[in-house]
């Protein structure tokens, strides 16, 4: 399984081309929206920092029960995936980082977004 984690300001639709890409036809694909993104509602009281977002990966993988999984994180999703890896998800065989933020100093846009209220961010 390939599990795609989107970045800040993105959602599942940013990966639209993977569903029809010939090289990925033999893989199971999972492209969830992080809470508050895409079709996912904003959860009241949820901590939207990176570690709590990473902790959501384990229950998702437990529910999907893949025999093997490659996490693919884009932008802020790269940092979320990297944190999820530190929790040793079952079946993890790989990690792909696409334009990912790997350290806090890398998160310029994310840091700016946290300084504004939600309606301004939208």
N, C-alpha and C. Protein backbone atom coordinates (compact mmCIF):
# COMPACT_ATOMS: atom_id res chain seq x y z
N UNK A 1 0.84 -1.17 0.00
CA UNK A 1 0.00 0.00 0.00
C UNK A 1 0.88 1.24 0.00
N UNK A 2 0.44 2.23 -0.73
CA UNK A 2 1.06 3.55 -0.69
C UNK A 2 0.09 4.47 0.04
N UNK A 3 0.57 5.07 1.13
CA UNK A 3 -0.24 5.98 1.92
C UNK A 3 0.31 7.39 1.75
N UNK A 4 -0.47 8.25 1.14
CA UNK A 4 -0.07 9.62 0.83
C UNK A 4 -0.55 10.57 1.92
N UNK A 5 0.35 11.41 2.42
CA UNK A 5 0.01 12.41 3.44
C UNK A 5 0.22 13.78 2.83
N UNK A 6 -0.84 14.55 2.71
CA UNK A 6 -0.75 15.86 2.06
C UNK A 6 -0.18 16.92 2.99
N UNK A 7 0.20 18.03 2.40
CA UNK A 7 0.77 19.15 3.15
C UNK A 7 -0.27 20.18 3.53
N UNK A 8 0.18 21.23 4.16
CA UNK A 8 -0.67 22.33 4.60
C UNK A 8 -1.29 23.02 3.39
N UNK A 9 -2.58 23.24 3.45
CA UNK A 9 -3.28 23.90 2.35
C UNK A 9 -3.61 22.96 1.21
N UNK A 10 -3.31 21.69 1.36
CA UNK A 10 -3.59 20.69 0.32
C UNK A 10 -4.63 19.70 0.84
N UNK A 11 -5.03 18.78 -0.01
CA UNK A 11 -5.94 17.71 0.38
C UNK A 11 -5.78 16.55 -0.60
N UNK A 12 -6.67 15.58 -0.53
CA UNK A 12 -6.56 14.39 -1.37
C UNK A 12 -6.56 14.72 -2.86
N UNK A 13 -7.19 15.80 -3.26
CA UNK A 13 -7.30 16.12 -4.70
C UNK A 13 -5.95 16.47 -5.32
N UNK A 14 -4.97 16.83 -4.51
CA UNK A 14 -3.65 17.16 -5.04
C UNK A 14 -2.92 15.92 -5.55
N UNK A 15 -3.45 14.74 -5.26
CA UNK A 15 -2.85 13.50 -5.73
C UNK A 15 -3.70 12.83 -6.81
N UNK A 16 -4.57 13.59 -7.45
CA UNK A 16 -5.51 13.02 -8.41
C UNK A 16 -4.90 12.14 -9.48
N UNK A 17 -3.71 12.48 -9.96
CA UNK A 17 -3.10 11.73 -11.05
C UNK A 17 -2.63 10.34 -10.64
N UNK A 18 -2.41 10.09 -9.36
CA UNK A 18 -1.88 8.78 -8.97
C UNK A 18 -2.88 7.66 -9.21
N UNK A 19 -4.17 7.97 -9.14
CA UNK A 19 -5.18 6.92 -9.32
C UNK A 19 -5.11 6.29 -10.70
N UNK A 20 -4.71 7.06 -11.70
CA UNK A 20 -4.69 6.52 -13.07
C UNK A 20 -3.27 6.31 -13.62
N UNK A 21 -2.26 6.53 -12.81
CA UNK A 21 -0.89 6.37 -13.30
C UNK A 21 -0.58 4.89 -13.51
N UNK A 22 -0.13 4.52 -14.71
CA UNK A 22 0.12 3.11 -15.02
C UNK A 22 1.12 2.43 -14.07
N UNK A 23 2.12 3.14 -13.59
CA UNK A 23 3.12 2.53 -12.72
C UNK A 23 2.57 2.18 -11.34
N UNK A 24 1.40 2.73 -10.98
CA UNK A 24 0.84 2.49 -9.65
C UNK A 24 -0.36 1.54 -9.67
N UNK A 25 -0.68 0.98 -10.82
CA UNK A 25 -1.88 0.13 -10.94
C UNK A 25 -1.85 -1.10 -10.03
N UNK A 26 -0.67 -1.61 -9.71
CA UNK A 26 -0.61 -2.83 -8.90
C UNK A 26 -0.58 -2.55 -7.40
N UNK A 27 -0.67 -1.28 -7.01
CA UNK A 27 -0.61 -0.91 -5.60
C UNK A 27 -1.99 -0.52 -5.07
N UNK A 28 -2.19 -0.82 -3.79
CA UNK A 28 -3.32 -0.23 -3.09
C UNK A 28 -2.92 1.18 -2.72
N UNK A 29 -3.85 2.11 -2.86
CA UNK A 29 -3.56 3.51 -2.57
C UNK A 29 -4.51 4.02 -1.48
N UNK A 30 -3.97 4.81 -0.58
CA UNK A 30 -4.79 5.48 0.44
C UNK A 30 -4.36 6.94 0.46
N UNK A 31 -5.34 7.82 0.27
CA UNK A 31 -5.06 9.25 0.23
C UNK A 31 -6.09 9.96 1.11
N UNK A 32 -5.87 9.91 2.42
CA UNK A 32 -6.84 10.54 3.33
C UNK A 32 -6.63 12.05 3.40
N UNK A 33 -7.69 12.73 3.76
CA UNK A 33 -7.59 14.14 4.10
C UNK A 33 -7.25 14.24 5.58
N UNK A 34 -6.28 15.07 5.91
CA UNK A 34 -6.02 15.34 7.32
C UNK A 34 -7.22 16.11 7.88
N UNK A 35 -7.47 16.05 9.18
CA UNK A 35 -8.61 16.77 9.75
C UNK A 35 -8.61 18.24 9.35
N UNK A 36 -9.76 18.68 8.87
CA UNK A 36 -9.91 20.07 8.45
C UNK A 36 -9.53 20.31 7.00
N UNK A 37 -9.03 19.31 6.31
CA UNK A 37 -8.63 19.46 4.91
C UNK A 37 -9.56 18.69 3.99
N UNK A 38 -9.75 19.19 2.79
CA UNK A 38 -10.57 18.49 1.79
C UNK A 38 -11.97 18.20 2.29
N UNK A 39 -12.34 16.92 2.26
CA UNK A 39 -13.69 16.52 2.69
C UNK A 39 -13.77 16.25 4.18
N UNK A 40 -12.67 16.42 4.91
CA UNK A 40 -12.65 16.16 6.34
C UNK A 40 -13.03 17.43 7.10
N UNK A 41 -13.91 17.26 8.06
CA UNK A 41 -14.33 18.42 8.85
C UNK A 41 -13.25 18.78 9.87
N UNK A 42 -13.32 20.00 10.34
CA UNK A 42 -12.40 20.46 11.38
C UNK A 42 -12.91 19.91 12.70
N UNK A 43 -12.03 19.24 13.44
CA UNK A 43 -12.42 18.62 14.70
C UNK A 43 -12.24 19.60 15.85
N UNK A 44 -13.33 19.94 16.54
CA UNK A 44 -13.21 20.87 17.67
C UNK A 44 -12.28 20.31 18.75
N UNK A 45 -11.40 21.15 19.23
CA UNK A 45 -10.50 20.74 20.30
C UNK A 45 -9.30 19.92 19.89
N UNK A 46 -9.19 19.58 18.61
CA UNK A 46 -8.05 18.79 18.15
C UNK A 46 -6.81 19.67 18.06
N UNK A 47 -5.70 19.15 18.52
CA UNK A 47 -4.41 19.83 18.41
C UNK A 47 -3.89 19.56 17.00
N UNK A 48 -3.75 20.60 16.21
CA UNK A 48 -3.35 20.46 14.80
C UNK A 48 -1.85 20.55 14.59
N UNK A 49 -1.06 20.41 15.65
CA UNK A 49 0.38 20.44 15.48
C UNK A 49 0.84 19.11 14.87
N UNK A 50 2.09 19.03 14.49
CA UNK A 50 2.59 17.88 13.72
C UNK A 50 2.48 16.55 14.45
N UNK A 51 2.86 16.49 15.71
CA UNK A 51 2.84 15.21 16.42
C UNK A 51 1.44 14.61 16.54
N UNK A 52 0.43 15.39 16.92
CA UNK A 52 -0.93 14.81 16.95
C UNK A 52 -1.40 14.35 15.56
N UNK A 53 -1.02 15.06 14.52
CA UNK A 53 -1.39 14.62 13.16
C UNK A 53 -0.70 13.30 12.84
N UNK A 54 0.56 13.16 13.24
CA UNK A 54 1.30 11.92 13.01
C UNK A 54 0.67 10.75 13.76
N UNK A 55 0.14 11.02 14.95
CA UNK A 55 -0.49 9.95 15.74
C UNK A 55 -1.76 9.41 15.09
N UNK A 56 -2.30 10.12 14.13
CA UNK A 56 -3.50 9.64 13.43
C UNK A 56 -3.17 8.56 12.40
N UNK A 57 -1.90 8.44 12.03
CA UNK A 57 -1.50 7.47 11.01
C UNK A 57 -1.67 6.04 11.53
N UNK A 58 -1.29 5.77 12.78
CA UNK A 58 -1.38 4.42 13.33
C UNK A 58 -2.80 3.86 13.30
N UNK A 59 -3.80 4.56 13.83
CA UNK A 59 -5.15 4.01 13.79
C UNK A 59 -5.64 3.78 12.35
N UNK A 60 -5.23 4.65 11.44
CA UNK A 60 -5.62 4.47 10.04
C UNK A 60 -5.03 3.17 9.50
N UNK A 61 -3.74 2.95 9.76
CA UNK A 61 -3.10 1.72 9.28
C UNK A 61 -3.68 0.48 9.97
N UNK A 62 -4.04 0.59 11.23
CA UNK A 62 -4.66 -0.55 11.92
C UNK A 62 -5.99 -0.90 11.27
N UNK A 63 -6.71 0.13 10.86
CA UNK A 63 -8.01 -0.11 10.23
C UNK A 63 -7.86 -0.70 8.83
N UNK A 64 -6.87 -0.20 8.07
CA UNK A 64 -6.65 -0.66 6.70
C UNK A 64 -5.95 -2.01 6.64
N UNK A 65 -5.19 -2.34 7.67
CA UNK A 65 -4.47 -3.61 7.79
C UNK A 65 -3.63 -3.98 6.57
N UNK A 66 -2.77 -3.08 6.09
CA UNK A 66 -1.92 -3.46 4.95
C UNK A 66 -0.81 -4.41 5.41
N UNK A 67 -0.40 -5.31 4.51
CA UNK A 67 0.73 -6.19 4.85
C UNK A 67 2.04 -5.41 4.78
N UNK A 68 2.08 -4.42 3.91
CA UNK A 68 3.24 -3.54 3.82
C UNK A 68 2.76 -2.16 3.39
N UNK A 69 3.49 -1.14 3.83
CA UNK A 69 3.07 0.24 3.53
C UNK A 69 4.30 1.11 3.30
N UNK A 70 4.16 1.98 2.31
CA UNK A 70 5.14 3.03 2.06
C UNK A 70 4.42 4.35 2.33
N UNK A 71 4.96 5.14 3.24
CA UNK A 71 4.40 6.46 3.52
C UNK A 71 5.01 7.46 2.55
N UNK A 72 4.17 8.27 1.93
CA UNK A 72 4.64 9.30 1.01
C UNK A 72 4.10 10.63 1.52
N UNK A 73 4.99 11.49 1.99
CA UNK A 73 4.58 12.78 2.53
C UNK A 73 5.00 13.92 1.64
N UNK A 74 4.08 14.84 1.41
CA UNK A 74 4.38 16.04 0.62
C UNK A 74 4.39 17.25 1.53
N UNK A 75 5.41 18.08 1.42
CA UNK A 75 5.52 19.32 2.17
C UNK A 75 5.38 19.03 3.66
N UNK A 76 4.44 19.66 4.34
CA UNK A 76 4.25 19.41 5.76
C UNK A 76 3.90 17.94 6.02
N UNK A 77 3.30 17.28 5.04
CA UNK A 77 3.01 15.85 5.15
C UNK A 77 4.28 15.02 5.29
N UNK A 78 5.41 15.54 4.78
CA UNK A 78 6.69 14.86 4.96
C UNK A 78 7.10 14.83 6.42
N UNK A 79 6.89 15.94 7.11
CA UNK A 79 7.21 15.99 8.54
C UNK A 79 6.25 15.10 9.33
N UNK A 80 4.99 15.10 8.97
CA UNK A 80 4.01 14.25 9.65
C UNK A 80 4.36 12.79 9.45
N UNK A 81 4.69 12.41 8.22
CA UNK A 81 5.07 11.02 7.94
C UNK A 81 6.33 10.63 8.69
N UNK A 82 7.30 11.52 8.73
CA UNK A 82 8.55 11.23 9.44
C UNK A 82 8.28 10.99 10.92
N UNK A 83 7.43 11.80 11.53
CA UNK A 83 7.07 11.60 12.94
C UNK A 83 6.31 10.29 13.12
N UNK A 84 5.45 9.95 12.17
CA UNK A 84 4.70 8.69 12.25
C UNK A 84 5.64 7.50 12.19
N UNK A 85 6.70 7.61 11.39
CA UNK A 85 7.68 6.54 11.27
C UNK A 85 8.35 6.28 12.61
N UNK A 86 8.59 7.33 13.37
CA UNK A 86 9.27 7.16 14.66
C UNK A 86 8.44 6.30 15.62
N UNK A 87 7.14 6.19 15.36
CA UNK A 87 6.25 5.35 16.17
C UNK A 87 6.22 3.91 15.67
N UNK A 88 6.99 3.61 14.63
CA UNK A 88 7.12 2.26 14.06
C UNK A 88 5.78 1.64 13.66
N UNK A 89 5.13 2.23 12.66
CA UNK A 89 3.85 1.63 12.22
C UNK A 89 4.06 0.22 11.69
N UNK A 90 3.12 -0.66 11.94
CA UNK A 90 3.25 -2.04 11.48
C UNK A 90 3.27 -2.09 9.94
N UNK A 91 4.15 -2.91 9.40
CA UNK A 91 4.21 -3.11 7.96
C UNK A 91 4.97 -2.05 7.20
N UNK A 92 5.56 -1.09 7.88
CA UNK A 92 6.26 -0.01 7.18
C UNK A 92 7.49 -0.56 6.45
N UNK A 93 7.56 -0.32 5.15
CA UNK A 93 8.73 -0.76 4.38
C UNK A 93 9.44 0.40 3.68
N UNK A 94 8.84 1.60 3.71
CA UNK A 94 9.50 2.71 3.05
C UNK A 94 8.87 4.06 3.35
N UNK A 95 9.63 5.08 3.01
CA UNK A 95 9.21 6.48 3.20
C UNK A 95 9.69 7.28 2.01
N UNK A 96 8.79 8.04 1.42
CA UNK A 96 9.12 8.93 0.30
C UNK A 96 8.78 10.34 0.74
N UNK A 97 9.73 11.23 0.58
CA UNK A 97 9.54 12.61 0.97
C UNK A 97 9.57 13.48 -0.28
N UNK A 98 8.46 14.16 -0.56
CA UNK A 98 8.38 15.03 -1.74
C UNK A 98 8.27 16.47 -1.27
N UNK A 99 9.32 17.23 -1.48
CA UNK A 99 9.36 18.63 -1.04
C UNK A 99 8.97 18.76 0.42
N UNK A 100 9.40 17.80 1.21
CA UNK A 100 8.97 17.73 2.60
C UNK A 100 9.76 18.62 3.54
N UNK A 101 9.07 19.04 4.58
CA UNK A 101 9.70 19.76 5.68
C UNK A 101 10.22 18.72 6.66
N UNK A 102 11.52 18.71 6.88
CA UNK A 102 12.10 17.71 7.77
C UNK A 102 12.49 18.26 9.13
N UNK A 103 12.69 19.57 9.22
CA UNK A 103 13.04 20.20 10.49
C UNK A 103 12.20 21.46 10.64
N UNK A 104 12.06 21.95 11.84
CA UNK A 104 11.24 23.12 12.11
C UNK A 104 11.63 24.33 11.30
N UNK A 105 12.94 24.53 11.09
CA UNK A 105 13.40 25.70 10.34
C UNK A 105 12.98 25.65 8.88
N UNK A 106 12.57 24.48 8.44
CA UNK A 106 12.14 24.25 7.06
C UNK A 106 10.69 24.69 6.82
N UNK A 107 9.96 24.98 7.87
CA UNK A 107 8.50 25.15 7.79
C UNK A 107 8.07 26.62 7.73
N UNK A 108 8.65 27.38 6.83
CA UNK A 108 8.35 28.80 6.76
C UNK A 108 6.87 29.07 6.59
N UNK A 109 6.23 28.49 5.58
CA UNK A 109 4.81 28.73 5.33
C UNK A 109 3.96 28.24 6.49
N UNK A 110 4.29 27.07 7.01
CA UNK A 110 3.53 26.51 8.13
C UNK A 110 3.62 27.42 9.35
N UNK A 111 4.80 27.95 9.62
CA UNK A 111 4.96 28.85 10.77
C UNK A 111 4.14 30.12 10.58
N UNK A 112 4.13 30.67 9.37
CA UNK A 112 3.36 31.87 9.12
C UNK A 112 1.87 31.60 9.29
N UNK A 113 1.40 30.44 8.86
CA UNK A 113 -0.01 30.11 8.96
C UNK A 113 -0.47 29.99 10.40
N UNK A 114 0.42 29.55 11.29
CA UNK A 114 0.02 29.39 12.70
C UNK A 114 -0.13 30.72 13.42
N UNK A 115 0.32 31.79 12.81
CA UNK A 115 0.25 33.11 13.46
C UNK A 115 -1.03 33.88 13.13
N UNK A 116 -1.90 33.31 12.33
CA UNK A 116 -3.13 34.00 11.96
C UNK A 116 -4.33 33.20 12.44
N UNK A 117 -5.47 33.86 12.59
CA UNK A 117 -6.66 33.14 13.00
C UNK A 117 -7.17 32.29 11.82
N UNK A 118 -8.05 31.34 12.12
CA UNK A 118 -8.50 30.38 11.13
C UNK A 118 -9.18 31.04 9.92
N UNK A 119 -10.02 32.02 10.15
CA UNK A 119 -10.72 32.66 9.02
C UNK A 119 -9.75 33.38 8.09
N UNK A 120 -8.70 33.98 8.64
CA UNK A 120 -7.67 34.62 7.80
C UNK A 120 -6.92 33.57 7.01
N UNK A 121 -6.60 32.43 7.64
CA UNK A 121 -5.91 31.34 6.96
C UNK A 121 -6.72 30.86 5.77
N UNK A 122 -8.03 30.66 5.98
CA UNK A 122 -8.89 30.19 4.90
C UNK A 122 -8.88 31.19 3.74
